[in-house]
């Protein structure tokens, strides 16, 4: 693609990244076949190729309007197009630059800016979020059943951790708990702790670490996202320097994908770029870590441990962002779980962080399509790997939606 960017519009590093991505695109259109918003709307401008044209025009002319912002906003940033693209176009890098540039050239109105600020403040303040959740719990009997399923589900009693950890290991795992998951689904990290305890792996949850920065980055607050990344890096760097750490993990794939992007986010920061790159070598998804642990010690689950019928939704951040498509399914199959093939499994469920709030029409249409495919086999439980997907899907179905780690933890023997 012939590109001539407007001088001075972008920082030099962003200009180089934008040119690199634009030059890689050959307009083949393969991306349109796997773009969820294009398949919904049938509009070229709601496809990756169409958005690339809009961004190119903006970067060459220095002008942006409502049309450009509307179609960039509708992108779920699922990165399915990157998995499909034969030319290796790193679309997510370009769309991030495009969104940030659009914000500068054509600022949103007061309401839109205020809504995004409010979402960030709510997500970034555990005290505020917890307080609102407590109020909501008090009035939950008056809420629609769909909201109660999402925010105030009935919970099984937690099983105790194994009394005798298997093996003697000193290398620890650092866990990033995330923003809303500790309040809405604490049982997910409890399940992860139980699994690590079974294998004798110490778990560290440093209080100084906080939000991964994804919400800030996706709501046009990139500098705030960088500050959050720096805070986490400072916290983890001290731990890594003082003891042996085998992995840094988030049990939410949305957060995990953001952690893997720290080297890109801080590439131009002379004080943090090297540390971000070094810590990136320790980043693991739970499925990767469990695969490693199973190579060190085999695990046989009781024959009746995984009773029931299940369907697995692979989040976009797991299959496209982290490139781990099929890994959870294979691991669960190794434990004897027979999971059905899901039609259009590569397509987004419509959660996409704050997308389900800011783009409700598209988000709910994507959820209906995803649930129809997941429930085709009439599963008793839907499994997934990301808190955002879990909450979003649960809002549209009475079928319980759970994290796959919970299933594994409950199946572990007690001795």
Protein backbone atom coordinates (compact mmCIF):
# COMPACT_ATOMS: atom_id res chain seq x y z
CA UNK A 1 0.00 0.00 0.00
CA UNK A 2 1.44 3.38 -1.04
CA UNK A 3 1.70 5.59 2.05
CA UNK A 4 2.67 9.23 2.57
CA UNK A 5 2.00 10.25 6.17
CA UNK A 6 1.48 13.89 7.06
CA UNK A 7 4.69 15.28 8.58
CA UNK A 8 4.53 16.02 12.29
CA UNK A 9 1.18 14.30 12.90
CA UNK A 10 2.70 11.36 14.77
CA UNK A 11 5.71 10.75 16.96
CA UNK A 12 8.51 9.23 14.89
CA UNK A 13 8.15 5.77 16.46
CA UNK A 14 4.39 5.69 15.88
CA UNK A 15 4.85 6.91 12.32
CA UNK A 16 7.29 4.07 11.65
CA UNK A 17 4.90 1.49 13.12
CA UNK A 18 1.96 2.87 11.17
CA UNK A 19 3.90 2.84 7.90
CA UNK A 20 5.10 -0.69 8.52
CA UNK A 21 1.57 -1.98 9.06
CA UNK A 22 0.08 0.00 6.16
CA UNK A 23 2.81 -1.17 3.79
CA UNK A 24 2.18 -4.79 4.76
CA UNK A 25 -1.51 -4.70 3.75
CA UNK A 26 -2.13 -5.90 0.18
CA UNK A 27 -5.94 -5.35 0.19
CA UNK A 28 -6.63 -9.09 -0.29
CA UNK A 29 -9.75 -8.98 1.89
CA UNK A 30 -9.17 -12.32 3.63
CA UNK A 31 -9.77 -10.46 6.90
CA UNK A 32 -13.38 -9.67 6.02
CA UNK A 33 -14.30 -13.37 6.21
CA UNK A 34 -13.38 -13.58 9.90
CA UNK A 35 -14.26 -10.08 11.11
CA UNK A 36 -17.27 -10.26 13.45
CA UNK A 37 -18.45 -6.69 12.86
CA UNK A 38 -18.20 -6.99 9.07
CA UNK A 39 -20.19 -10.23 9.18
CA UNK A 40 -22.85 -8.45 11.24
CA UNK A 41 -23.08 -5.16 9.36
CA UNK A 42 -21.94 -6.12 5.86
CA UNK A 43 -20.25 -2.71 5.63
CA UNK A 44 -16.72 -2.53 4.22
CA UNK A 45 -15.88 0.24 6.68
CA UNK A 46 -16.70 -2.16 9.53
CA UNK A 47 -14.00 -4.55 8.30
CA UNK A 48 -10.25 -4.40 9.04
CA UNK A 49 -9.52 -3.50 5.42
CA UNK A 50 -12.03 -0.66 5.51
CA UNK A 51 -10.69 0.66 8.81
CA UNK A 52 -7.16 0.53 7.47
CA UNK A 53 -8.27 2.77 4.59
CA UNK A 54 -9.91 5.19 7.05
CA UNK A 55 -6.78 5.33 9.21
CA UNK A 56 -4.53 5.78 6.18
CA UNK A 57 -6.63 8.71 4.95
CA UNK A 58 -6.58 10.29 8.41
CA UNK A 59 -2.81 9.95 8.78
CA UNK A 60 -2.20 11.38 5.31
CA UNK A 61 -4.59 14.33 5.56
CA UNK A 62 -4.53 15.12 9.27
CA UNK A 63 -8.31 15.25 9.44
CA UNK A 64 -10.79 12.95 11.15
CA UNK A 65 -14.53 13.06 11.61
CA UNK A 66 -17.47 11.16 13.02
CA UNK A 67 -17.34 8.55 10.24
CA UNK A 68 -13.79 7.51 11.09
CA UNK A 69 -14.40 7.42 14.83
CA UNK A 70 -17.66 5.48 14.50
CA UNK A 71 -16.08 2.63 12.55
CA UNK A 72 -12.96 2.52 14.73
CA UNK A 73 -15.18 2.38 17.82
CA UNK A 74 -17.12 -0.55 16.39
CA UNK A 75 -13.97 -2.66 16.13
CA UNK A 76 -13.87 -5.24 18.96
CA UNK A 77 -10.06 -5.54 18.58
CA UNK A 78 -10.44 -9.32 18.61
CA UNK A 79 -7.45 -9.72 16.26
CA UNK A 80 -9.15 -12.51 14.35
CA UNK A 81 -8.04 -10.66 11.22
CA UNK A 82 -4.41 -11.08 12.27
CA UNK A 83 -4.87 -14.83 12.61
CA UNK A 84 -6.38 -14.91 9.11
CA UNK A 85 -4.08 -12.44 7.33
CA UNK A 86 -1.58 -14.15 4.98
CA UNK A 87 0.60 -11.01 4.93
CA UNK A 88 1.12 -10.78 8.68
CA UNK A 89 -0.53 -7.37 9.06
CA UNK A 90 -0.37 -6.40 12.76
CA UNK A 91 -3.69 -4.62 12.68
CA UNK A 92 -3.97 -4.03 16.45
CA UNK A 93 -0.89 -1.78 16.37
CA UNK A 94 -2.39 0.38 13.64
CA UNK A 95 -5.87 0.61 15.15
CA UNK A 96 -4.36 1.75 18.48
CA UNK A 97 -2.51 4.55 16.67
CA UNK A 98 -5.62 5.37 14.67
CA UNK A 99 -7.83 5.65 17.72
CA UNK A 100 -5.36 7.82 19.62
CA UNK A 101 -4.93 10.11 16.61
CA UNK A 102 -8.67 10.37 16.06
CA UNK A 103 -9.11 11.42 19.69
CA UNK A 104 -6.64 14.27 19.18
CA UNK A 105 -8.00 15.45 15.85
CA UNK A 106 -11.71 15.15 16.67
CA UNK A 107 -12.29 15.12 20.45
CA UNK A 108 -15.45 13.44 21.71
CA UNK A 109 -18.31 15.37 23.22
CA UNK A 110 -18.50 15.92 26.98
CA UNK A 111 -20.89 13.00 27.57
CA UNK A 112 -18.73 10.47 25.69
CA UNK A 113 -15.56 11.62 27.43
CA UNK A 114 -17.29 11.58 30.81
CA UNK A 115 -18.62 8.06 30.28
CA UNK A 116 -15.16 6.73 29.51
CA UNK A 117 -13.63 8.52 32.50
CA UNK A 118 -16.36 7.10 34.76
CA UNK A 119 -15.73 3.56 33.50
CA UNK A 120 -12.01 3.89 34.18
CA UNK A 121 -12.55 5.31 37.66
CA UNK A 122 -14.95 2.51 38.51
CA UNK A 123 -12.68 -0.26 37.23
CA UNK A 124 -9.52 1.18 38.77
CA UNK A 125 -10.97 1.65 42.27
CA UNK A 126 -11.60 -1.64 44.11
CA UNK A 127 -13.08 0.31 47.00
CA UNK A 128 -15.58 2.15 44.78
CA UNK A 129 -16.44 -0.97 42.79
CA UNK A 130 -16.79 -3.04 45.96
CA UNK A 131 -19.00 -0.39 47.56
CA UNK A 132 -21.35 -0.27 44.59
CA UNK A 133 -21.42 -4.07 44.52
CA UNK A 134 -22.40 -4.15 48.21
CA UNK A 135 -25.28 -1.76 47.54
CA UNK A 136 -26.31 -3.85 44.58
CA UNK A 137 -26.27 -7.03 46.65
CA UNK A 138 -28.64 -5.41 49.15
CA UNK A 139 -31.20 -4.64 46.44
CA UNK A 140 -30.47 -7.72 44.30
CA UNK A 141 -33.85 -9.37 45.07
CA UNK A 142 -35.45 -6.54 43.08
CA UNK A 143 -33.15 -7.01 40.08
CA UNK A 144 -33.95 -8.92 36.88
CA UNK A 145 -32.75 -12.52 36.96
CA UNK A 146 -30.22 -11.81 34.19
CA UNK A 147 -28.42 -9.24 36.37
CA UNK A 148 -28.45 -11.49 39.43
CA UNK A 149 -26.86 -14.29 37.40
CA UNK A 150 -24.02 -12.00 36.37
CA UNK A 151 -23.31 -10.02 39.53
CA UNK A 152 -24.68 -12.11 42.40
CA UNK A 153 -24.56 -15.80 41.45
CA UNK A 154 -25.15 -18.57 43.96
CA UNK A 155 -21.83 -20.19 44.83
CA UNK A 156 -20.79 -23.65 45.90
CA UNK A 157 -18.84 -24.02 49.10
CA UNK A 158 -15.11 -23.72 48.48
CA UNK A 159 -13.06 -26.89 48.83
CA UNK A 160 -9.95 -26.68 51.01
CA UNK A 161 -6.47 -26.61 49.56
CA UNK A 162 -4.62 -29.96 49.62
CA UNK A 163 -2.89 -30.50 52.93
CA UNK A 164 0.34 -31.85 51.44
CA UNK A 165 1.70 -30.08 48.35
CA UNK A 166 3.27 -32.42 45.83
CA UNK A 167 7.02 -32.01 45.33
CA UNK A 168 9.43 -29.42 46.69
CA UNK A 169 9.75 -26.36 44.54
CA UNK A 170 10.88 -22.88 45.43
CA UNK A 171 10.20 -21.00 42.18
CA UNK A 172 7.05 -18.95 42.75
CA UNK A 173 4.23 -17.76 40.50
CA UNK A 174 3.14 -14.12 40.64
CA UNK A 175 -0.60 -13.64 40.17
CA UNK A 176 -2.19 -10.43 38.91
CA UNK A 177 -5.73 -10.54 40.33
CA UNK A 178 -7.22 -7.90 38.03
CA UNK A 179 -9.85 -5.22 38.64
CA UNK A 180 -13.33 -6.74 38.91
CA UNK A 181 -12.64 -10.47 39.12
CA UNK A 182 -11.73 -10.54 42.85
CA UNK A 183 -15.10 -8.98 43.66
CA UNK A 184 -17.34 -10.70 41.11
CA UNK A 185 -15.75 -14.16 40.80
CA UNK A 186 -13.17 -14.68 43.60
CA UNK A 187 -13.55 -18.44 43.14
CA UNK A 188 -11.49 -18.27 39.93
CA UNK A 189 -8.26 -17.23 41.64
CA UNK A 190 -9.09 -19.57 44.54
CA UNK A 191 -9.22 -22.40 42.00
CA UNK A 192 -5.87 -21.35 40.54
CA UNK A 193 -4.34 -21.26 44.03
CA UNK A 194 -5.67 -24.75 44.71
CA UNK A 195 -4.08 -26.07 41.51
CA UNK A 196 -0.71 -24.50 42.33
CA UNK A 197 -0.96 -25.81 45.90
CA UNK A 198 -1.52 -29.31 44.57
CA UNK A 199 1.73 -29.07 42.58
CA UNK A 200 3.62 -27.45 45.45
CA UNK A 201 4.15 -24.10 43.71
CA UNK A 202 4.20 -20.99 45.92
CA UNK A 203 1.81 -18.23 44.88
CA UNK A 204 2.58 -14.52 45.30
CA UNK A 205 -0.09 -11.82 45.09
CA UNK A 206 1.71 -8.53 45.70
CA UNK A 207 -0.67 -5.83 46.88
CA UNK A 208 1.28 -3.11 45.05
CA UNK A 209 0.32 -4.53 41.65
CA UNK A 210 -2.97 -3.40 40.17
CA UNK A 211 -4.90 -3.00 36.95
CA UNK A 212 -3.13 -4.26 33.83
CA UNK A 213 -4.06 -1.08 31.95
CA UNK A 214 -6.31 -2.60 29.29
CA UNK A 215 -9.40 -0.59 30.24
CA UNK A 216 -7.43 2.65 30.13
CA UNK A 217 -5.83 1.84 26.80
CA UNK A 218 -9.15 0.88 25.23
CA UNK A 219 -10.88 4.06 26.44
CA UNK A 220 -8.37 6.52 24.98
CA UNK A 221 -6.17 6.97 28.06
CA UNK A 222 -2.88 5.55 26.80
CA UNK A 223 -0.67 7.50 29.19
CA UNK A 224 -2.69 6.18 32.13
CA UNK A 225 -2.23 2.67 30.72
CA UNK A 226 1.53 3.24 30.58
CA UNK A 227 1.55 4.46 34.20
CA UNK A 228 -0.30 1.33 35.31
CA UNK A 229 2.15 -0.84 33.40
CA UNK A 230 5.08 0.95 35.04
CA UNK A 231 3.58 0.41 38.49
CA UNK A 232 3.20 -3.32 37.88
CA UNK A 233 6.70 -3.61 36.45
CA UNK A 234 8.17 -1.83 39.49
CA UNK A 235 6.34 -4.23 41.79
CA UNK A 236 7.31 -7.39 39.93
CA UNK A 237 10.89 -6.31 39.28
CA UNK A 238 11.61 -6.18 43.00
CA UNK A 239 10.19 -9.69 43.47
CA UNK A 240 12.09 -11.11 40.51
CA UNK A 241 15.34 -9.62 41.82
CA UNK A 242 14.85 -11.05 45.31
CA UNK A 243 13.66 -14.60 44.64
CA UNK A 244 13.19 -17.19 41.92
CA UNK A 245 10.00 -16.60 39.91
CA UNK A 246 8.92 -19.07 37.28
CA UNK A 247 5.95 -17.15 35.86
CA UNK A 248 3.75 -14.07 35.99
CA UNK A 249 0.13 -15.08 35.43
CA UNK A 250 -3.33 -13.60 35.09
CA UNK A 251 -6.32 -15.93 35.13
CA UNK A 252 -8.14 -13.49 32.82
CA UNK A 253 -6.90 -13.76 29.25
CA UNK A 254 -7.85 -10.14 28.58
CA UNK A 255 -5.35 -9.05 31.22
CA UNK A 256 -2.85 -11.64 30.04
CA UNK A 257 -2.90 -10.27 26.50
CA UNK A 258 -2.36 -6.75 27.84
CA UNK A 259 0.63 -7.91 29.91
CA UNK A 260 2.19 -9.38 26.78
CA UNK A 261 1.82 -5.96 25.12
CA UNK A 262 3.89 -4.14 27.77
CA UNK A 263 7.03 -4.20 25.58
CA UNK A 264 5.08 -2.44 22.81
CA UNK A 265 3.31 -0.06 25.18
CA UNK A 266 6.62 1.02 26.76
CA UNK A 267 8.87 0.61 23.72
CA UNK A 268 9.74 4.33 23.72
CA UNK A 269 10.35 4.58 27.46
CA UNK A 270 14.13 4.49 28.07
CA UNK A 271 13.65 3.56 31.74
CA UNK A 272 11.13 0.72 31.31
CA UNK A 273 11.52 -0.75 27.83
CA UNK A 274 14.24 -3.24 28.82
CA UNK A 275 12.45 -4.31 32.00
CA UNK A 276 9.18 -4.77 30.14
CA UNK A 277 10.96 -6.98 27.63
CA UNK A 278 12.70 -9.00 30.36
CA UNK A 279 9.50 -9.57 32.35
CA UNK A 280 7.68 -10.52 29.17
CA UNK A 281 9.74 -13.72 29.14
CA UNK A 282 7.99 -14.72 32.38
CA UNK A 283 4.43 -14.05 31.23
CA UNK A 284 2.33 -17.22 31.06
CA UNK A 285 -1.30 -18.06 30.61
CA UNK A 286 -2.60 -20.62 33.15
CA UNK A 287 -2.88 -23.27 30.44
CA UNK A 288 0.81 -22.85 29.54
CA UNK A 289 1.83 -23.09 33.18
CA UNK A 290 -0.32 -26.14 33.81
CA UNK A 291 1.11 -27.83 30.73
CA UNK A 292 4.61 -27.22 32.15
CA UNK A 293 3.62 -28.60 35.56
CA UNK A 294 2.07 -31.69 33.98
CA UNK A 295 5.33 -32.37 32.17
CA UNK A 296 7.07 -32.40 35.55
CA UNK A 297 4.44 -34.52 37.29
CA UNK A 298 1.59 -36.46 35.69
CA UNK A 299 -1.90 -35.98 37.07
CA UNK A 300 -4.70 -38.50 36.84
CA UNK A 301 -8.13 -37.24 37.78
CA UNK A 302 -10.74 -39.62 39.23
CA UNK A 303 -12.92 -41.20 36.54
CA UNK A 304 -16.01 -39.45 37.86
CA UNK A 305 -14.32 -36.07 38.41
CA UNK A 306 -15.58 -34.40 35.25
CA UNK A 307 -19.15 -35.53 35.09
CA UNK A 308 -21.53 -33.49 32.97
CA UNK A 309 -21.70 -31.95 29.52
CA UNK A 310 -19.66 -28.87 28.70
CA UNK A 311 -18.96 -26.44 25.87
CA UNK A 312 -15.86 -24.24 25.76
CA UNK A 313 -15.74 -20.66 24.51
CA UNK A 314 -12.17 -19.71 23.60
CA UNK A 315 -11.78 -15.95 24.20
CA UNK A 316 -10.34 -13.83 21.41
CA UNK A 317 -7.51 -12.79 23.70
CA UNK A 318 -6.57 -16.45 24.18
CA UNK A 319 -6.81 -17.67 20.58
CA UNK A 320 -5.83 -14.53 18.63
CA UNK A 321 -4.06 -12.27 21.14
CA UNK A 322 -1.97 -14.95 22.88
CA UNK A 323 -1.98 -17.46 20.03
CA UNK A 324 -3.08 -20.36 22.25
CA UNK A 325 -6.07 -21.60 20.29
CA UNK A 326 -7.02 -25.17 21.17
CA UNK A 327 -4.64 -25.50 24.12
CA UNK A 328 -7.27 -25.47 26.89
CA UNK A 329 -9.43 -27.87 24.91
CA UNK A 330 -6.52 -30.30 24.47
CA UNK A 331 -5.61 -30.09 28.14
CA UNK A 332 -9.18 -30.80 29.23
CA UNK A 333 -9.42 -33.62 26.69
CA UNK A 334 -6.33 -35.12 28.33
CA UNK A 335 -8.32 -35.22 31.56
CA UNK A 336 -11.08 -37.13 29.78
CA UNK A 337 -13.42 -34.27 28.96
CA UNK A 338 -15.19 -34.59 25.60
CA UNK A 339 -15.85 -31.09 24.29
CA UNK A 340 -17.97 -30.50 21.17
CA UNK A 341 -16.73 -28.51 18.19
CA UNK A 342 -18.26 -25.01 18.20
CA UNK A 343 -19.37 -23.36 14.98
CA UNK A 344 -17.68 -20.01 14.32
CA UNK A 345 -15.48 -20.55 17.38
CA UNK A 346 -13.06 -17.95 16.02
CA UNK A 347 -15.61 -15.14 16.32
CA UNK A 348 -15.91 -12.73 19.26
CA UNK A 349 -18.67 -13.12 21.86
CA UNK A 350 -19.11 -9.33 22.00
CA UNK A 351 -17.63 -8.68 25.43
CA UNK A 352 -14.33 -7.03 24.43
CA UNK A 353 -13.80 -5.18 27.70
CA UNK A 354 -15.86 -1.99 27.76
CA UNK A 355 -17.28 -2.73 24.29
CA UNK A 356 -20.34 -4.40 25.81
CA UNK A 357 -21.19 -1.07 27.47
CA UNK A 358 -20.12 1.36 24.76
CA UNK A 359 -21.37 -0.63 21.74
CA UNK A 360 -24.40 -2.48 23.10
CA UNK A 361 -26.17 -3.13 19.77
CA UNK A 362 -23.19 -4.89 18.19
CA UNK A 363 -22.19 -6.52 21.47
CA UNK A 364 -25.57 -8.12 22.10
CA UNK A 365 -25.88 -9.31 18.51
CA UNK A 366 -22.49 -11.01 18.78
CA UNK A 367 -23.51 -12.59 22.09
CA UNK A 368 -26.73 -14.01 20.65
CA UNK A 369 -24.77 -15.58 17.80
CA UNK A 370 -22.12 -16.99 20.13
CA UNK A 371 -24.62 -18.45 22.61
CA UNK A 372 -26.61 -20.08 19.81
CA UNK A 373 -23.47 -21.92 18.72
CA UNK A 374 -22.34 -22.78 22.25
CA UNK A 375 -25.74 -24.11 23.26
CA UNK A 376 -26.29 -26.17 20.11
CA UNK A 377 -25.04 -29.26 21.98
CA UNK A 378 -27.20 -28.42 25.05
CA UNK A 379 -24.32 -28.29 27.54
CA UNK A 380 -24.98 -28.22 31.27
CA UNK A 381 -22.12 -25.74 31.71
CA UNK A 382 -20.29 -23.31 29.44
CA UNK A 383 -16.57 -22.93 30.15
CA UNK A 384 -14.33 -20.03 29.21
CA UNK A 385 -11.02 -18.42 30.21
CA UNK A 386 -11.77 -14.72 30.62
CA UNK A 387 -13.86 -12.88 33.21
CA UNK A 388 -15.23 -10.43 30.62
CA UNK A 389 -16.50 -13.21 28.36
CA UNK A 390 -17.87 -15.10 31.36
CA UNK A 391 -19.93 -12.16 32.64
CA UNK A 392 -21.10 -11.14 29.18
CA UNK A 393 -22.24 -14.63 28.21
CA UNK A 394 -23.87 -15.24 31.58
CA UNK A 395 -26.01 -12.15 31.02
CA UNK A 396 -27.62 -13.87 28.04
CA UNK A 397 -28.22 -17.40 29.29
CA UNK A 398 -29.44 -19.39 32.27
CA UNK A 399 -26.79 -22.04 31.56
CA UNK A 400 -24.00 -21.60 34.12
CA UNK A 401 -20.84 -20.03 32.69
CA UNK A 402 -17.62 -20.81 34.57
CA UNK A 403 -13.86 -20.56 34.25
CA UNK A 404 -12.19 -23.79 33.18
CA UNK A 405 -9.77 -23.54 36.11
CA UNK A 406 -12.69 -24.03 38.51
CA UNK A 407 -13.52 -27.34 36.87
CA UNK A 408 -9.94 -28.60 37.15
CA UNK A 409 -9.56 -27.44 40.76
CA UNK A 410 -12.76 -29.16 41.84
CA UNK A 411 -11.64 -32.40 40.21
CA UNK A 412 -8.27 -32.54 42.02
CA UNK A 413 -7.84 -35.30 44.58
CA UNK A 414 -7.51 -34.19 48.19
CA UNK A 415 -4.35 -36.15 48.85
